[in-house]
Amino acid sequence: VNAEDAFKGKKVALYFSASWCGDCTPITAKLATLYEMINEDGDEDLEVCWVTSDETEEDMKQYMKKHGDYLHVKYDDELRVELIKKYGCFGGRHVERYAGIERKSGVPAVVIINKAGDVLQFNGVQDLETKGPEA
């Protein structure tokens, strides 16, 4: 899938997650429900893009096999690390890996951005936990 085509004119929920993150599984399910609710009219106003913090590509593939084949940044793509650094969303186990980068959130994290990359909402996980898919 060409990202430019998939995200054109849409809000994008960057979903920072990992297979080793126990808190991620329920958020993955709520995010899938939210995606369906927002896009049920066929307008597809929101797209979700998974940004993994997994240790290996195989870990990422196994998680996706179990929980859904989401649009995602390829494991070996430099953009994956750039997004993690830009938005400061990474697990505590990776603090040393991203030394010097302000950690704004652990995983799971959901950051809603517009097509220019401006943050529209940073607390997506908190809203999903408190409000559910109606967030």
Protein backbone atom coordinates (compact mmCIF):
# COMPACT_ATOMS: atom_id res chain seq x y z
CA VAL A 1 0.00 0.00 0.00
CA ASN A 2 1.34 3.40 -0.93
CA ALA A 3 1.29 5.49 2.26
CA GLU A 4 0.76 8.73 0.38
CA ASP A 5 -2.42 7.32 -1.17
CA ALA A 6 -3.63 5.65 2.03
CA PHE A 7 -3.19 8.77 4.18
CA LYS A 8 -4.08 11.49 1.65
CA GLY A 9 -6.48 14.01 3.17
CA LYS A 10 -6.98 11.96 6.34
CA LYS A 11 -6.18 12.18 9.98
CA VAL A 12 -3.71 9.47 10.92
CA ALA A 13 -3.54 7.66 14.24
CA LEU A 14 0.06 6.65 14.80
CA TYR A 15 -0.16 3.61 17.04
CA PHE A 16 3.08 3.02 18.95
CA SER A 17 2.93 -0.55 20.18
CA ALA A 18 4.90 -3.77 20.64
CA SER A 19 4.22 -7.48 20.94
CA TRP A 20 5.92 -7.59 24.37
CA CYS A 21 3.59 -4.90 25.74
CA GLY A 22 0.78 -6.48 27.76
CA ASP A 23 -1.18 -3.22 27.88
CA CYS A 24 -1.16 -2.96 24.08
CA THR A 25 -3.53 -5.85 23.30
CA PRO A 26 -6.70 -4.27 24.75
CA ILE A 27 -5.83 -0.93 23.15
CA THR A 28 -5.35 -2.65 19.79
CA ALA A 29 -8.90 -4.02 20.03
CA LYS A 30 -10.38 -0.64 21.06
CA LEU A 31 -8.50 1.13 18.29
CA ALA A 32 -9.85 -1.34 15.73
CA THR A 33 -13.40 -0.66 16.95
CA LEU A 34 -12.81 3.11 16.84
CA TYR A 35 -11.48 2.82 13.28
CA GLU A 36 -14.58 0.91 12.18
CA MET A 37 -16.95 3.38 13.87
CA ILE A 38 -15.30 6.46 12.36
CA ASN A 39 -15.08 4.97 8.89
CA GLU A 40 -18.41 3.12 8.80
CA ASP A 41 -19.98 5.75 6.53
CA GLY A 42 -17.42 4.92 3.84
CA ASP A 43 -15.68 8.30 4.01
CA GLU A 44 -12.60 6.83 5.72
CA ASP A 45 -11.68 9.99 7.65
CA LEU A 46 -9.12 8.20 9.82
CA GLU A 47 -6.33 5.79 9.05
CA VAL A 48 -4.30 3.86 11.63
CA CYS A 49 -0.59 3.27 11.14
CA TRP A 50 1.24 0.91 13.47
CA VAL A 51 4.74 1.96 14.56
CA THR A 52 6.33 -1.02 16.29
CA SER A 53 8.82 -1.04 19.14
CA ASP A 54 9.40 -4.77 18.75
CA GLU A 55 12.90 -6.14 18.97
CA THR A 56 12.68 -8.04 15.68
CA GLU A 57 10.69 -7.98 12.47
CA GLU A 58 9.51 -11.53 13.23
CA ASP A 59 8.04 -10.37 16.57
CA MET A 60 6.16 -7.64 14.71
CA LYS A 61 4.84 -10.09 12.10
CA GLN A 62 3.66 -12.56 14.76
CA TYR A 63 1.75 -9.80 16.60
CA MET A 64 0.12 -8.67 13.36
CA LYS A 65 -0.78 -12.24 12.46
CA LYS A 66 -2.60 -12.57 15.79
CA HIS A 67 -4.16 -9.09 16.07
CA GLY A 68 -4.65 -7.85 12.51
CA ASP A 69 -2.65 -6.83 9.50
CA TYR A 70 -2.62 -3.07 9.98
CA LEU A 71 -0.99 -0.47 7.82
CA HIS A 72 2.44 -0.12 9.36
CA VAL A 73 5.85 1.36 8.92
CA LYS A 74 8.15 -1.42 7.77
CA TYR A 75 10.41 -2.69 10.50
CA ASP A 76 13.64 -1.83 8.69
CA ASP A 77 12.44 1.55 7.42
CA GLU A 78 14.28 4.53 8.94
CA LEU A 79 10.92 6.28 9.22
CA ARG A 80 9.95 3.93 12.06
CA VAL A 81 12.79 5.18 14.26
CA GLU A 82 12.26 8.78 13.10
CA LEU A 83 8.61 8.65 14.23
CA ILE A 84 9.53 7.09 17.57
CA LYS A 85 12.05 9.88 18.15
CA LYS A 86 9.87 12.71 16.81
CA TYR A 87 6.90 11.87 19.01
CA GLY A 88 8.91 10.46 21.93
CA CYS A 89 6.85 7.28 22.23
CA PHE A 90 8.88 4.25 23.29
CA GLY A 91 8.96 1.65 26.03
CA GLY A 92 10.97 2.03 29.21
CA ARG A 93 13.23 -0.79 28.05
CA HIS A 94 14.37 1.49 25.21
CA VAL A 95 15.33 4.57 27.22
CA GLU A 96 19.05 3.90 26.67
CA ARG A 97 18.51 3.23 22.95
CA TYR A 98 16.94 6.68 22.57
CA ALA A 99 19.20 8.53 25.01
CA GLY A 100 18.81 12.27 24.61
CA ILE A 101 15.27 11.97 23.24
CA GLU A 102 12.49 13.24 25.49
CA ARG A 103 10.21 10.32 26.33
CA LYS A 104 6.69 11.75 26.18
CA SER A 105 4.92 8.41 26.40
CA GLY A 106 5.59 4.73 26.74
CA VAL A 107 3.77 2.12 24.70
CA PRO A 108 0.97 1.83 23.92
CA ALA A 109 0.60 5.36 22.60
CA VAL A 110 -1.79 6.81 20.04
CA VAL A 111 -0.91 10.15 18.45
CA ILE A 112 -3.44 11.65 16.03
CA ILE A 113 -1.83 13.85 13.37
CA ASN A 114 -3.06 15.78 10.35
CA LYS A 115 -1.59 15.44 6.88
CA ALA A 116 1.13 17.98 7.72
CA GLY A 117 2.23 15.90 10.72
CA ASP A 118 0.89 18.37 13.27
CA VAL A 119 -0.34 16.73 16.47
CA LEU A 120 -4.12 17.00 16.87
CA GLN A 121 -4.31 14.72 19.91
CA PHE A 122 -1.53 13.16 21.96
CA ASN A 123 -3.50 11.31 24.65
CA GLY A 124 -5.26 8.83 22.41
CA VAL A 125 -4.63 5.83 24.67
CA GLN A 126 -5.94 7.64 27.75
CA ASP A 127 -9.09 8.59 25.86
CA LEU A 128 -9.57 5.02 24.60
CA GLU A 129 -9.18 3.67 28.14
CA THR A 130 -11.60 6.14 29.72
CA LYS A 131 -14.13 6.68 26.93
CA GLY A 132 -13.73 3.50 24.93
CA PRO A 133 -14.28 3.53 21.17
CA GLU A 134 -16.45 6.63 21.51
CA ALA A 135 -13.25 8.62 22.18
